C-alpha atoms as a PDB file:
ATOM      1  CA  UNK A   1      -0.096  -0.074   0.104  1.00  0.00           C
ATOM      2  CA  UNK A   2       2.907   1.899   0.977  1.00  0.00           C
ATOM      3  CA  UNK A   3       4.417   1.834  -2.708  1.00  0.00           C
ATOM      4  CA  UNK A   4       1.663   2.873  -4.385  1.00  0.00           C
ATOM      5  CA  UNK A   5       1.229   5.665  -2.696  1.00  0.00           C
ATOM      6  CA  UNK A   6       4.642   6.576  -2.901  1.00  0.00           C
ATOM      7  CA  UNK A   7       4.729   5.544  -6.707  1.00  0.00           C
ATOM      8  CA  UNK A   8       1.789   7.286  -7.852  1.00  0.00           C
ATOM      9  CA  UNK A   9       2.516  10.461  -6.351  1.00  0.00           C
ATOM     10  CA  UNK A  10       6.107  10.401  -7.270  1.00  0.00           C
ATOM     11  CA  UNK A  11       5.683   9.303 -10.693  1.00  0.00           C
ATOM     12  CA  UNK A  12       3.854  12.657 -11.137  1.00  0.00           C
ATOM     13  CA  UNK A  13       6.598  14.490  -9.022  1.00  0.00           C
ATOM     14  CA  UNK A  14       8.624  13.015 -11.942  1.00  0.00           C
ATOM     15  CA  UNK A  15       7.057  14.138 -14.446  1.00  0.00           C
ATOM     16  CA  UNK A  16       6.976  17.797 -13.051  1.00  0.00           C
ATOM     17  CA  UNK A  17      10.385  17.820 -12.201  1.00  0.00           C
ATOM     18  CA  UNK A  18      10.982  16.926 -16.240  1.00  0.00           C
ATOM     19  CA  UNK A  19       8.837  20.259 -16.910  1.00  0.00           C
ATOM     20  CA  UNK A  20      11.469  22.385 -15.345  1.00  0.00           C
ATOM     21  CA  UNK A  21      14.183  21.090 -17.762  1.00  0.00           C
ATOM     22  CA  UNK A  22      12.538  23.808 -19.802  1.00  0.00           C
ATOM     23  CA  UNK A  23      13.195  27.525 -18.934  1.00  0.00           C
ATOM     24  CA  UNK A  24      12.507  31.222 -19.673  1.00  0.00           C
ATOM     25  CA  UNK A  25      15.334  33.723 -20.500  1.00  0.00           C
ATOM     26  CA  UNK A  26      13.254  36.456 -19.703  1.00  0.00           C
ATOM     27  CA  UNK A  27      15.333  38.251 -16.832  1.00  0.00           C
ATOM     28  CA  UNK A  28      12.531  40.906 -16.615  1.00  0.00           C
ATOM     29  CA  UNK A  29      11.018  39.214 -13.385  1.00  0.00           C
ATOM     30  CA  UNK A  30       7.365  37.329 -13.449  1.00  0.00           C
ATOM     31  CA  UNK A  31       5.866  36.043 -16.892  1.00  0.00           C
ATOM     32  CA  UNK A  32       2.190  36.622 -17.498  1.00  0.00           C
ATOM     33  CA  UNK A  33       1.000  33.771 -15.726  1.00  0.00           C
ATOM     34  CA  UNK A  34       1.446  35.794 -12.597  1.00  0.00           C
ATOM     35  CA  UNK A  35      -1.438  37.903 -13.809  1.00  0.00           C
ATOM     36  CA  UNK A  36      -3.687  35.251 -13.004  1.00  0.00           C
ATOM     37  CA  UNK A  37      -6.543  35.529 -10.415  1.00  0.00           C
ATOM     38  CA  UNK A  38      -6.770  32.553  -7.773  1.00  0.00           C
ATOM     39  CA  UNK A  39      -9.721  30.349  -8.889  1.00  0.00           C
ATOM     40  CA  UNK A  40      -9.595  30.877 -13.242  1.00  0.00           C
ATOM     41  CA  UNK A  41     -10.580  27.796 -14.210  1.00  0.00           C
ATOM     42  CA  UNK A  42      -7.428  25.347 -14.855  1.00  0.00           C
ATOM     43  CA  UNK A  43      -5.214  26.912 -12.459  1.00  0.00           C
ATOM     44  CA  UNK A  44      -3.080  26.675  -9.432  1.00  0.00           C
ATOM     45  CA  UNK A  45      -2.076  29.719  -7.611  1.00  0.00           C
ATOM     46  CA  UNK A  46      -0.436  30.552  -4.524  1.00  0.00           C
ATOM     47  CA  UNK A  47       2.068  32.449  -2.349  1.00  0.00           C
ATOM     48  CA  UNK A  48       5.830  31.083  -2.373  1.00  0.00           C
ATOM     49  CA  UNK A  49       7.725  32.660   0.835  1.00  0.00           C
ATOM     50  CA  UNK A  50       5.164  35.682   0.279  1.00  0.00           C
ATOM     51  CA  UNK A  51       6.235  35.530  -3.896  1.00  0.00           C
ATOM     52  CA  UNK A  52       3.093  35.204  -6.271  1.00  0.00           C
ATOM     53  CA  UNK A  53       3.212  31.936  -8.063  1.00  0.00           C
ATOM     54  CA  UNK A  54       0.882  31.167 -10.745  1.00  0.00           C
ATOM     55  CA  UNK A  55       0.479  28.296 -13.213  1.00  0.00           C
ATOM     56  CA  UNK A  56      -2.061  27.353 -15.945  1.00  0.00           C
ATOM     57  CA  UNK A  57      -2.257  25.309 -18.859  1.00  0.00           C
ATOM     58  CA  UNK A  58      -0.611  23.671 -20.176  1.00  0.00           C
ATOM     59  CA  UNK A  59       1.340  24.102 -17.146  1.00  0.00           C
ATOM     60  CA  UNK A  60      -0.602  22.485 -15.092  1.00  0.00           C
ATOM     61  CA  UNK A  61      -1.771  18.666 -14.488  1.00  0.00           C
ATOM     62  CA  UNK A  62      -3.810  16.522 -12.530  1.00  0.00           C
ATOM     63  CA  UNK A  63      -4.106  12.586 -12.221  1.00  0.00           C
ATOM     64  CA  UNK A  64      -6.205  10.399  -9.853  1.00  0.00           C
ATOM     65  CA  UNK A  65      -5.233   6.991  -9.032  1.00  0.00           C
ATOM     66  CA  UNK A  66      -6.408   4.160  -7.352  1.00  0.00           C
ATOM     67  CA  UNK A  67      -5.628   0.490  -5.627  1.00  0.00           C
ATOM     68  CA  UNK A  68      -8.382  -1.328  -4.124  1.00  0.00           C
ATOM     69  CA  UNK A  69     -10.217   0.750  -2.194  1.00  0.00           C
ATOM     70  CA  UNK A  70      -6.929   3.636  -1.625  1.00  0.00           C
ATOM     71  CA  UNK A  71      -7.352   6.720  -4.049  1.00  0.00           C
ATOM     72  CA  UNK A  72      -4.290   9.449  -4.416  1.00  0.00           C
ATOM     73  CA  UNK A  73      -4.731  12.604  -6.439  1.00  0.00           C
ATOM     74  CA  UNK A  74      -1.731  13.997  -7.769  1.00  0.00           C
ATOM     75  CA  UNK A  75      -1.989  18.151  -9.188  1.00  0.00           C
ATOM     76  CA  UNK A  76       0.989  19.888 -10.111  1.00  0.00           C
ATOM     77  CA  UNK A  77       2.264  23.274 -12.065  1.00  0.00           C
ATOM     78  CA  UNK A  78       5.086  24.992 -13.385  1.00  0.00           C
ATOM     79  CA  UNK A  79       6.025  28.604 -13.410  1.00  0.00           C
ATOM     80  CA  UNK A  80       8.850  30.213 -14.626  1.00  0.00           C
ATOM     81  CA  UNK A  81      10.169  33.049 -12.543  1.00  0.00           C
ATOM     82  CA  UNK A  82      12.879  35.261 -14.344  1.00  0.00           C
ATOM     83  CA  UNK A  83      15.905  32.632 -14.435  1.00  0.00           C
ATOM     84  CA  UNK A  84      14.207  30.497 -11.760  1.00  0.00           C
ATOM     85  CA  UNK A  85      11.769  27.497 -12.863  1.00  0.00           C
ATOM     86  CA  UNK A  86       9.350  26.752  -9.889  1.00  0.00           C
ATOM     87  CA  UNK A  87       7.324  23.340  -9.878  1.00  0.00           C
ATOM     88  CA  UNK A  88       4.721  22.663  -6.984  1.00  0.00           C
ATOM     89  CA  UNK A  89       3.400  19.317  -6.686  1.00  0.00           C
ATOM     90  CA  UNK A  90       0.693  18.213  -4.151  1.00  0.00           C
ATOM     91  CA  UNK A  91      -0.985  14.984  -3.563  1.00  0.00           C
ATOM     92  CA  UNK A  92      -4.013  13.654  -1.288  1.00  0.00           C
ATOM     93  CA  UNK A  93      -4.930  10.066  -0.441  1.00  0.00           C
ATOM     94  CA  UNK A  94      -8.134   8.666   1.223  1.00  0.00           C
ATOM     95  CA  UNK A  95     -10.191   5.891   0.921  1.00  0.00           C
ATOM     96  CA  UNK A  96     -13.553   5.380  -0.816  1.00  0.00           C
ATOM     97  CA  UNK A  97     -13.332   7.655  -3.732  1.00  0.00           C
ATOM     98  CA  UNK A  98     -17.478   7.486  -3.899  1.00  0.00           C
ATOM     99  CA  UNK A  99     -17.143   9.660  -0.697  1.00  0.00           C
ATOM    100  CA  UNK A 100     -14.716  12.303  -1.407  1.00  0.00           C
ATOM    101  CA  UNK A 101     -17.075  15.768  -1.456  1.00  0.00           C
ATOM    102  CA  UNK A 102     -16.669  19.256  -1.425  1.00  0.00           C
ATOM    103  CA  UNK A 103     -15.359  20.053   2.428  1.00  0.00           C
ATOM    104  CA  UNK A 104     -13.124  17.274   2.592  1.00  0.00           C
ATOM    105  CA  UNK A 105      -9.762  18.061   3.869  1.00  0.00           C
ATOM    106  CA  UNK A 106      -6.511  16.444   3.814  1.00  0.00           C
ATOM    107  CA  UNK A 107      -3.677  17.168   6.497  1.00  0.00           C
ATOM    108  CA  UNK A 108       0.231  16.455   7.019  1.00  0.00           C
ATOM    109  CA  UNK A 109       0.218  13.973   9.547  1.00  0.00           C
ATOM    110  CA  UNK A 110      -1.352  10.418  10.282  1.00  0.00           C
ATOM    111  CA  UNK A 111      -2.034   7.974   8.366  1.00  0.00           C
ATOM    112  CA  UNK A 112      -0.752   7.934   4.276  1.00  0.00           C
ATOM    113  CA  UNK A 113      -4.230   6.823   3.683  1.00  0.00           C
ATOM    114  CA  UNK A 114      -6.571   8.325   5.390  1.00  0.00           C
ATOM    115  CA  UNK A 115      -6.884  12.092   4.241  1.00  0.00           C
ATOM    116  CA  UNK A 116      -3.226  12.779   3.903  1.00  0.00           C
ATOM    117  CA  UNK A 117      -1.588  15.789   2.370  1.00  0.00           C
ATOM    118  CA  UNK A 118       1.396  16.174   0.477  1.00  0.00           C
ATOM    119  CA  UNK A 119       3.247  19.108  -0.824  1.00  0.00           C
ATOM    120  CA  UNK A 120       6.435  19.625  -2.781  1.00  0.00           C
ATOM    121  CA  UNK A 121       8.339  22.860  -4.081  1.00  0.00           C
ATOM    122  CA  UNK A 122      11.144  22.133  -6.694  1.00  0.00           C
ATOM    123  CA  UNK A 123      13.140  25.099  -7.676  1.00  0.00           C
ATOM    124  CA  UNK A 124      15.805  24.835 -10.619  1.00  0.00           C
ATOM    125  CA  UNK A 125      18.176  27.715 -10.672  1.00  0.00           C
ATOM    126  CA  UNK A 126      20.567  28.734 -13.289  1.00  0.00           C
ATOM    127  CA  UNK A 127      23.221  28.431 -12.768  1.00  0.00           C
ATOM    128  CA  UNK A 128      23.088  28.517  -8.446  1.00  0.00           C
ATOM    129  CA  UNK A 129      22.037  25.830  -6.113  1.00  0.00           C
ATOM    130  CA  UNK A 130      18.306  23.518  -7.001  1.00  0.00           C
ATOM    131  CA  UNK A 131      16.112  23.176  -4.282  1.00  0.00           C
ATOM    132  CA  UNK A 132      13.965  20.476  -3.683  1.00  0.00           C
ATOM    133  CA  UNK A 133      12.008  20.587  -0.607  1.00  0.00           C
ATOM    134  CA  UNK A 134       8.668  19.033   0.715  1.00  0.00           C
ATOM    135  CA  UNK A 135       6.083  18.401   3.246  1.00  0.00           C
ATOM    136  CA  UNK A 136       7.120  15.155   4.275  1.00  0.00           C
ATOM    137  CA  UNK A 137      10.370  16.756   6.115  1.00  0.00           C
ATOM    138  CA  UNK A 138       7.825  18.687   8.122  1.00  0.00           C
ATOM    139  CA  UNK A 139       3.966  17.407   8.038  1.00  0.00           C
ATOM    140  CA  UNK A 140       2.536  20.859   7.308  1.00  0.00           C
ATOM    141  CA  UNK A 141       0.107  20.605   5.015  1.00  0.00           C
ATOM    142  CA  UNK A 142      -3.493  20.801   4.405  1.00  0.00           C
ATOM    143  CA  UNK A 143      -5.341  20.437   1.130  1.00  0.00           C
ATOM    144  CA  UNK A 144      -9.309  21.193   1.448  1.00  0.00           C
ATOM    145  CA  UNK A 145     -11.887  20.090  -1.741  1.00  0.00           C
ATOM    146  CA  UNK A 146     -13.870  23.071  -2.383  1.00  0.00           C
ATOM    147  CA  UNK A 147     -15.406  20.961  -5.403  1.00  0.00           C
ATOM    148  CA  UNK A 148     -15.476  17.527  -7.659  1.00  0.00           C
ATOM    149  CA  UNK A 149     -17.106  17.455 -10.794  1.00  0.00           C
ATOM    150  CA  UNK A 150     -17.034  13.683 -11.260  1.00  0.00           C
ATOM    151  CA  UNK A 151     -18.556  13.588 -14.785  1.00  0.00           C
ATOM    152  CA  UNK A 152     -16.049  15.702 -16.286  1.00  0.00           C
ATOM    153  CA  UNK A 153     -12.812  15.549 -14.035  1.00  0.00           C
ATOM    154  CA  UNK A 154     -12.668  18.257 -12.309  1.00  0.00           C
ATOM    155  CA  UNK A 155     -11.110  19.330  -9.300  1.00  0.00           C
ATOM    156  CA  UNK A 156     -11.011  22.237  -7.000  1.00  0.00           C
ATOM    157  CA  UNK A 157      -9.937  23.443  -4.154  1.00  0.00           C
ATOM    158  CA  UNK A 158      -7.587  24.990  -1.288  1.00  0.00           C
ATOM    159  CA  UNK A 159      -4.035  24.642   0.229  1.00  0.00           C
ATOM    160  CA  UNK A 160      -1.322  25.809   2.107  1.00  0.00           C
ATOM    161  CA  UNK A 161       2.177  23.573   2.928  1.00  0.00           C
ATOM    162  CA  UNK A 162       5.612  23.957   4.315  1.00  0.00           C
ATOM    163  CA  UNK A 163       8.206  22.529   2.678  1.00  0.00           C
ATOM    164  CA  UNK A 164      11.435  21.919   3.571  1.00  0.00           C
ATOM    165  CA  UNK A 165      15.133  21.024   1.837  1.00  0.00           C
ATOM    166  CA  UNK A 166      17.055  18.883   3.944  1.00  0.00           C
ATOM    167  CA  UNK A 167      20.127  19.838   1.126  1.00  0.00           C
ATOM    168  CA  UNK A 168      20.036  23.495   1.722  1.00  0.00           C
ATOM    169  CA  UNK A 169      17.944  23.681   5.049  1.00  0.00           C
ATOM    170  CA  UNK A 170      15.611  26.186   3.284  1.00  0.00           C
ATOM    171  CA  UNK A 171      11.779  26.291   4.223  1.00  0.00           C
ATOM    172  CA  UNK A 172       9.335  27.046   1.652  1.00  0.00           C
ATOM    173  CA  UNK A 173       5.932  28.668   3.007  1.00  0.00           C
ATOM    174  CA  UNK A 174       2.874  28.129   0.607  1.00  0.00           C
ATOM    175  CA  UNK A 175      -0.006  30.296   1.445  1.00  0.00           C
ATOM    176  CA  UNK A 176      -3.345  31.096  -0.047  1.00  0.00           C
ATOM    177  CA  UNK A 177      -3.589  28.345  -2.010  1.00  0.00           C
ATOM    178  CA  UNK A 178      -5.978  27.797  -5.168  1.00  0.00           C
ATOM    179  CA  UNK A 179      -6.293  25.388  -7.816  1.00  0.00           C
ATOM    180  CA  UNK A 180      -9.418  25.521  -9.864  1.00  0.00           C
ATOM    181  CA  UNK A 181     -11.058  23.305 -12.211  1.00  0.00           C
ATOM    182  CA  UNK A 182      -7.648  21.329 -12.881  1.00  0.00           C
ATOM    183  CA  UNK A 183      -8.651  18.321 -15.143  1.00  0.00           C
ATOM    184  CA  UNK A 184      -7.879  14.720 -14.045  1.00  0.00           C
ATOM    185  CA  UNK A 185      -8.080  11.256 -15.697  1.00  0.00           C
END
């Protein structure tokens, strides 16, 4: 069971890392995605250590994995912040997908199969040090589902977490997070 969670979540996080191979040559700062309002369909927005983050299609992904009675949603996005490429990913797991509804909250503590949340921040700097931080190091993560549309395979919600990179000793505080109508399959 633990392998299911790690495998399904890890595959999406790896996919997001592959996105970070792309970069922006724009030295002027934030790209237009950062004008995206929280709640815009198909977007993930938040603040990372107070800095605006926004990802929209095609740099947003969602996936649902199920095994037996366990399900895992993985969501993520990529934003190009000047010379940095910033990826965030989050996952939530639970039991009995048929009972998932608006208002359900997932936490970074406890059993990884029962309403569990995990968040990551990956920063690829050129040419400086890369960051790879996870809330598994802090146990501070909350994801709340605000809408699920099973017919159209869309999910919306809010999130916050603290991700820590044990190599660089840096902490990333992710606040004011909103994911809106993210397509999953």
